[in-house]
Amino acid sequence: MEYKIVSGGSPSDLTTKVNEKLNDGWELVGSHQVVIHREQNRFSGQQHMDTLNQLEYSQTMCKKTKTTIEVDISFYHPDDENGIVDETQRVYDEEGMREEFEYKLDCIIKNAGL
C-alpha cells in the first residue's frame, strides 16, 4: 500500500487535489487536517494589533496495490470433421493464458525489485 499526504493553501485547493487523486484510484485515510503554517504578528508602534495566520490544509490518502493478476480468457473454435469452424464448441487456450499470467507475474517481480 502506498501513502501520500496531499496539501493545499486553501480548502478549495485541497479539494481539487484530493478529487484528482480520487479519480486516479486513491482513497481517503482519516479526515483532513488544518495547521498554522506561518504566523505573523502585526504591531502599531509597541501596540499589538493582530496576527496573520497562513493555514495549510492536508489529507492523507492511500493507494492499494493490485494483488490479483487478471488474465483474459482465451479460446478458439475447432474445425469439425468437414473442416468447417464449429462455433458451438470452445477449446480453451490454456498455454496462451499461462504465458500471459507468467508475463504479468514477471513484470510485477521486476517492478518490485525482487
N, C-alpha and C. Protein backbone atom coordinates (compact mmCIF):
# COMPACT_ATOMS: atom_id res chain seq x y z
N MET A 1 0.84 -1.16 0.00
CA MET A 1 0.00 0.00 0.00
C MET A 1 0.89 1.24 0.00
N GLU A 2 0.54 2.21 -0.78
CA GLU A 2 1.31 3.45 -0.90
C GLU A 2 0.51 4.58 -0.27
N TYR A 3 1.19 5.41 0.53
CA TYR A 3 0.55 6.53 1.19
C TYR A 3 1.10 7.84 0.66
N LYS A 4 0.25 8.87 0.67
CA LYS A 4 0.67 10.20 0.22
C LYS A 4 -0.13 11.23 1.01
N ILE A 5 0.54 12.34 1.35
CA ILE A 5 -0.14 13.45 2.00
C ILE A 5 -0.32 14.54 0.96
N VAL A 6 -1.56 14.90 0.72
CA VAL A 6 -1.89 15.94 -0.25
C VAL A 6 -2.16 17.21 0.55
N SER A 7 -1.57 18.33 0.12
CA SER A 7 -1.77 19.57 0.87
C SER A 7 -2.09 20.71 -0.06
N GLY A 8 -2.72 21.74 0.50
CA GLY A 8 -3.07 22.93 -0.26
C GLY A 8 -3.16 24.13 0.65
N GLY A 9 -3.13 25.30 0.05
CA GLY A 9 -3.17 26.54 0.81
C GLY A 9 -4.57 27.02 1.14
N SER A 10 -5.58 26.36 0.59
CA SER A 10 -6.97 26.74 0.86
C SER A 10 -7.83 25.48 0.79
N PRO A 11 -9.04 25.53 1.36
CA PRO A 11 -9.92 24.36 1.26
C PRO A 11 -10.23 23.97 -0.20
N SER A 12 -10.44 24.95 -1.05
CA SER A 12 -10.75 24.62 -2.45
C SER A 12 -9.53 24.02 -3.17
N ASP A 13 -8.34 24.50 -2.83
CA ASP A 13 -7.12 23.95 -3.41
C ASP A 13 -6.96 22.49 -3.00
N LEU A 14 -7.17 22.20 -1.73
CA LEU A 14 -7.07 20.82 -1.25
C LEU A 14 -8.14 19.95 -1.91
N THR A 15 -9.36 20.45 -2.00
CA THR A 15 -10.45 19.69 -2.61
C THR A 15 -10.13 19.31 -4.04
N THR A 16 -9.58 20.25 -4.80
CA THR A 16 -9.21 19.98 -6.19
C THR A 16 -8.17 18.87 -6.27
N LYS A 17 -7.13 18.97 -5.43
CA LYS A 17 -6.07 17.96 -5.45
C LYS A 17 -6.57 16.60 -4.99
N VAL A 18 -7.41 16.57 -3.95
CA VAL A 18 -7.96 15.30 -3.46
C VAL A 18 -8.85 14.65 -4.52
N ASN A 19 -9.68 15.44 -5.19
CA ASN A 19 -10.54 14.88 -6.24
C ASN A 19 -9.73 14.29 -7.39
N GLU A 20 -8.61 14.92 -7.75
CA GLU A 20 -7.75 14.36 -8.79
C GLU A 20 -7.21 13.00 -8.36
N LYS A 21 -6.77 12.90 -7.10
CA LYS A 21 -6.24 11.62 -6.59
C LYS A 21 -7.35 10.57 -6.53
N LEU A 22 -8.54 10.96 -6.09
CA LEU A 22 -9.66 10.00 -6.03
C LEU A 22 -9.95 9.43 -7.42
N ASN A 23 -9.89 10.29 -8.44
CA ASN A 23 -10.12 9.82 -9.81
C ASN A 23 -9.02 8.89 -10.30
N ASP A 24 -7.84 8.96 -9.69
CA ASP A 24 -6.73 8.09 -10.06
C ASP A 24 -6.68 6.81 -9.21
N GLY A 25 -7.72 6.56 -8.41
CA GLY A 25 -7.79 5.32 -7.65
C GLY A 25 -7.29 5.41 -6.22
N TRP A 26 -6.97 6.61 -5.74
CA TRP A 26 -6.53 6.78 -4.36
C TRP A 26 -7.76 6.82 -3.45
N GLU A 27 -7.55 6.52 -2.17
CA GLU A 27 -8.62 6.53 -1.17
C GLU A 27 -8.24 7.43 -0.01
N LEU A 28 -9.26 7.99 0.65
CA LEU A 28 -9.03 8.84 1.80
C LEU A 28 -8.64 8.01 3.02
N VAL A 29 -7.75 8.54 3.85
CA VAL A 29 -7.39 7.90 5.11
C VAL A 29 -7.66 8.93 6.20
N GLY A 30 -8.65 8.67 7.05
CA GLY A 30 -8.96 9.62 8.12
C GLY A 30 -9.57 10.90 7.56
N SER A 31 -9.48 11.96 8.38
CA SER A 31 -10.04 13.24 7.97
C SER A 31 -8.92 14.22 7.62
N HIS A 32 -9.32 15.34 7.10
CA HIS A 32 -8.33 16.36 6.73
C HIS A 32 -7.78 17.03 8.00
N GLN A 33 -6.66 17.70 7.84
CA GLN A 33 -6.02 18.42 8.95
C GLN A 33 -5.79 19.86 8.51
N VAL A 34 -5.82 20.77 9.49
CA VAL A 34 -5.52 22.17 9.24
C VAL A 34 -4.50 22.60 10.28
N VAL A 35 -3.38 23.17 9.82
CA VAL A 35 -2.35 23.64 10.74
C VAL A 35 -1.96 25.07 10.37
N ILE A 36 -1.46 25.81 11.36
CA ILE A 36 -0.93 27.13 11.10
C ILE A 36 0.47 26.95 10.55
N HIS A 37 0.63 27.31 9.31
CA HIS A 37 1.90 27.12 8.61
C HIS A 37 2.87 28.26 8.93
N ARG A 38 2.32 29.46 9.07
CA ARG A 38 3.12 30.65 9.33
C ARG A 38 2.27 31.63 10.13
N GLU A 39 2.89 32.30 11.06
CA GLU A 39 2.19 33.24 11.91
C GLU A 39 2.96 34.56 11.91
N GLN A 40 2.27 35.68 11.69
CA GLN A 40 2.94 36.99 11.67
C GLN A 40 2.15 37.95 12.56
N ASN A 41 2.82 38.45 13.60
CA ASN A 41 2.21 39.45 14.48
C ASN A 41 2.39 40.83 13.86
N ARG A 42 1.31 41.63 13.87
CA ARG A 42 1.41 42.99 13.35
C ARG A 42 1.27 43.97 14.52
N PHE A 43 2.13 44.99 14.48
CA PHE A 43 2.17 45.98 15.55
C PHE A 43 1.99 47.38 14.98
N SER A 44 1.49 48.27 15.82
CA SER A 44 1.47 49.71 15.55
C SER A 44 2.27 50.32 16.69
N GLY A 45 3.54 50.59 16.41
CA GLY A 45 4.45 51.01 17.48
C GLY A 45 4.70 49.82 18.39
N GLN A 46 4.42 49.98 19.67
CA GLN A 46 4.56 48.89 20.64
C GLN A 46 3.25 48.12 20.83
N GLN A 47 2.17 48.62 20.23
CA GLN A 47 0.83 48.04 20.41
C GLN A 47 0.62 46.88 19.43
N HIS A 48 0.32 45.67 19.94
CA HIS A 48 -0.02 44.51 19.10
C HIS A 48 -1.40 44.73 18.52
N MET A 49 -1.47 44.72 17.19
CA MET A 49 -2.75 44.98 16.52
C MET A 49 -3.50 43.67 16.20
N ASP A 50 -2.82 42.77 15.49
CA ASP A 50 -3.44 41.49 15.16
C ASP A 50 -2.37 40.51 14.70
N THR A 51 -2.80 39.30 14.40
CA THR A 51 -1.89 38.25 13.94
C THR A 51 -2.44 37.68 12.64
N LEU A 52 -1.58 37.62 11.63
CA LEU A 52 -1.95 36.98 10.36
C LEU A 52 -1.48 35.54 10.40
N ASN A 53 -2.40 34.63 10.14
CA ASN A 53 -2.08 33.20 10.12
C ASN A 53 -2.18 32.68 8.70
N GLN A 54 -1.15 31.97 8.29
CA GLN A 54 -1.19 31.28 6.99
C GLN A 54 -1.46 29.82 7.29
N LEU A 55 -2.58 29.30 6.78
CA LEU A 55 -3.01 27.94 7.08
C LEU A 55 -2.60 26.98 5.96
N GLU A 56 -2.39 25.73 6.34
CA GLU A 56 -2.13 24.66 5.38
C GLU A 56 -3.14 23.55 5.65
N TYR A 57 -3.79 23.11 4.60
CA TYR A 57 -4.80 22.05 4.68
C TYR A 57 -4.19 20.79 4.09
N SER A 58 -4.39 19.66 4.77
CA SER A 58 -3.80 18.41 4.26
C SER A 58 -4.75 17.24 4.45
N GLN A 59 -4.53 16.22 3.64
CA GLN A 59 -5.33 14.99 3.68
C GLN A 59 -4.43 13.82 3.35
N THR A 60 -4.44 12.80 4.20
CA THR A 60 -3.68 11.59 3.92
C THR A 60 -4.51 10.69 3.01
N MET A 61 -3.83 10.12 2.02
CA MET A 61 -4.50 9.24 1.06
C MET A 61 -3.65 8.00 0.85
N CYS A 62 -4.29 6.92 0.42
CA CYS A 62 -3.54 5.69 0.14
C CYS A 62 -4.04 5.09 -1.17
N LYS A 63 -3.13 4.33 -1.77
CA LYS A 63 -3.49 3.61 -2.99
C LYS A 63 -3.09 2.16 -2.78
N LYS A 64 -4.08 1.31 -2.88
CA LYS A 64 -3.82 -0.11 -2.69
C LYS A 64 -3.19 -0.67 -3.94
N THR A 65 -2.15 -1.45 -3.74
CA THR A 65 -1.52 -2.10 -4.88
C THR A 65 -2.34 -3.32 -5.26
N LYS A 66 -2.39 -3.59 -6.52
CA LYS A 66 -3.16 -4.70 -7.03
C LYS A 66 -2.53 -6.02 -6.59
N THR A 67 -3.33 -6.90 -6.02
CA THR A 67 -2.80 -8.18 -5.55
C THR A 67 -3.29 -9.35 -6.39
N THR A 68 -4.07 -9.06 -7.41
CA THR A 68 -4.61 -10.12 -8.26
C THR A 68 -4.13 -9.91 -9.69
N ILE A 69 -3.63 -10.96 -10.29
CA ILE A 69 -3.23 -10.90 -11.70
C ILE A 69 -4.43 -11.35 -12.52
N GLU A 70 -4.86 -10.48 -13.42
CA GLU A 70 -6.01 -10.80 -14.26
C GLU A 70 -5.51 -11.27 -15.62
N VAL A 71 -6.07 -12.37 -16.08
CA VAL A 71 -5.70 -12.96 -17.36
C VAL A 71 -6.97 -13.09 -18.19
N ASP A 72 -6.89 -12.65 -19.45
CA ASP A 72 -8.04 -12.79 -20.34
C ASP A 72 -8.27 -14.26 -20.67
N ILE A 73 -9.52 -14.62 -20.78
CA ILE A 73 -9.86 -16.00 -21.17
C ILE A 73 -9.65 -16.12 -22.67
N SER A 74 -8.84 -17.08 -23.07
CA SER A 74 -8.55 -17.30 -24.49
C SER A 74 -9.11 -18.65 -24.92
N PHE A 75 -9.79 -18.64 -26.05
CA PHE A 75 -10.29 -19.90 -26.59
C PHE A 75 -10.39 -19.77 -28.11
N TYR A 76 -10.57 -20.89 -28.73
CA TYR A 76 -10.79 -20.90 -30.17
C TYR A 76 -11.88 -21.91 -30.47
N HIS A 77 -12.46 -21.78 -31.68
CA HIS A 77 -13.48 -22.72 -32.12
C HIS A 77 -12.80 -23.74 -33.02
N PRO A 78 -12.90 -25.01 -32.69
CA PRO A 78 -12.23 -26.03 -33.52
C PRO A 78 -12.99 -26.27 -34.83
N ASP A 79 -12.28 -26.86 -35.77
CA ASP A 79 -12.91 -27.25 -37.03
C ASP A 79 -13.64 -28.57 -36.81
N ASP A 80 -14.77 -28.75 -37.48
CA ASP A 80 -15.44 -30.05 -37.41
C ASP A 80 -14.79 -31.00 -38.42
N GLU A 81 -15.35 -32.18 -38.58
CA GLU A 81 -14.72 -33.19 -39.45
C GLU A 81 -14.70 -32.78 -40.92
N ASN A 82 -15.51 -31.78 -41.31
CA ASN A 82 -15.53 -31.30 -42.69
C ASN A 82 -14.63 -30.09 -42.89
N GLY A 83 -13.89 -29.66 -41.85
CA GLY A 83 -13.00 -28.50 -41.94
C GLY A 83 -13.72 -27.18 -41.76
N ILE A 84 -14.96 -27.24 -41.31
CA ILE A 84 -15.74 -26.02 -41.08
C ILE A 84 -15.64 -25.67 -39.59
N VAL A 85 -15.49 -24.37 -39.31
CA VAL A 85 -15.37 -23.93 -37.91
C VAL A 85 -16.67 -24.19 -37.19
N ASP A 86 -16.58 -24.90 -36.07
CA ASP A 86 -17.75 -25.25 -35.26
C ASP A 86 -17.84 -24.26 -34.09
N GLU A 87 -18.69 -23.22 -34.25
CA GLU A 87 -18.79 -22.18 -33.23
C GLU A 87 -19.59 -22.61 -32.00
N THR A 88 -20.11 -23.83 -32.01
CA THR A 88 -20.84 -24.31 -30.84
C THR A 88 -19.90 -24.87 -29.80
N GLN A 89 -18.64 -25.09 -30.16
CA GLN A 89 -17.66 -25.64 -29.21
C GLN A 89 -16.55 -24.62 -28.98
N ARG A 90 -16.01 -24.67 -27.77
CA ARG A 90 -14.88 -23.81 -27.42
C ARG A 90 -13.76 -24.68 -26.86
N VAL A 91 -12.57 -24.40 -27.30
CA VAL A 91 -11.39 -25.05 -26.74
C VAL A 91 -10.56 -23.95 -26.09
N TYR A 92 -10.35 -24.07 -24.78
CA TYR A 92 -9.63 -23.03 -24.06
C TYR A 92 -8.13 -23.13 -24.33
N ASP A 93 -7.51 -21.99 -24.59
CA ASP A 93 -6.08 -21.91 -24.88
C ASP A 93 -5.33 -21.77 -23.55
N GLU A 94 -5.15 -22.92 -22.87
CA GLU A 94 -4.50 -22.90 -21.56
C GLU A 94 -3.06 -22.42 -21.64
N GLU A 95 -2.36 -22.80 -22.68
CA GLU A 95 -0.95 -22.40 -22.83
C GLU A 95 -0.85 -20.88 -23.00
N GLY A 96 -1.72 -20.30 -23.82
CA GLY A 96 -1.72 -18.85 -24.02
C GLY A 96 -2.04 -18.10 -22.75
N MET A 97 -3.03 -18.60 -21.99
CA MET A 97 -3.39 -17.95 -20.73
C MET A 97 -2.25 -18.06 -19.72
N ARG A 98 -1.57 -19.21 -19.68
CA ARG A 98 -0.44 -19.41 -18.77
C ARG A 98 0.71 -18.47 -19.14
N GLU A 99 0.97 -18.31 -20.44
CA GLU A 99 2.03 -17.40 -20.88
C GLU A 99 1.72 -15.96 -20.48
N GLU A 100 0.46 -15.56 -20.63
CA GLU A 100 0.06 -14.20 -20.23
C GLU A 100 0.24 -14.00 -18.73
N PHE A 101 -0.17 -15.01 -17.94
CA PHE A 101 0.00 -14.93 -16.49
C PHE A 101 1.48 -14.82 -16.11
N GLU A 102 2.31 -15.65 -16.70
CA GLU A 102 3.74 -15.64 -16.37
C GLU A 102 4.39 -14.32 -16.77
N TYR A 103 3.97 -13.74 -17.89
CA TYR A 103 4.49 -12.45 -18.32
C TYR A 103 4.13 -11.36 -17.31
N LYS A 104 2.86 -11.32 -16.89
CA LYS A 104 2.42 -10.31 -15.93
C LYS A 104 3.09 -10.50 -14.58
N LEU A 105 3.28 -11.75 -14.16
CA LEU A 105 3.98 -12.03 -12.90
C LEU A 105 5.43 -11.56 -12.98
N ASP A 106 6.07 -11.82 -14.11
CA ASP A 106 7.46 -11.39 -14.31
C ASP A 106 7.58 -9.87 -14.24
N CYS A 107 6.62 -9.14 -14.81
CA CYS A 107 6.62 -7.67 -14.75
C CYS A 107 6.48 -7.18 -13.31
N ILE A 108 5.62 -7.82 -12.53
CA ILE A 108 5.44 -7.43 -11.13
C ILE A 108 6.72 -7.65 -10.35
N ILE A 109 7.36 -8.80 -10.58
CA ILE A 109 8.61 -9.12 -9.86
C ILE A 109 9.70 -8.11 -10.22
N LYS A 110 9.81 -7.76 -11.51
CA LYS A 110 10.84 -6.80 -11.93
C LYS A 110 10.59 -5.43 -11.33
N ASN A 111 9.32 -4.99 -11.30
CA ASN A 111 8.97 -3.68 -10.75
C ASN A 111 9.17 -3.63 -9.25
N ALA A 112 9.03 -4.76 -8.57
CA ALA A 112 9.22 -4.80 -7.11
C ALA A 112 10.68 -4.91 -6.75
N GLY A 113 11.54 -5.19 -7.71
CA GLY A 113 12.96 -5.30 -7.45
C GLY A 113 13.34 -6.60 -6.76
N LEU A 114 12.53 -7.63 -6.93
CA LEU A 114 12.81 -8.92 -6.29
C LEU A 114 13.73 -9.76 -7.15
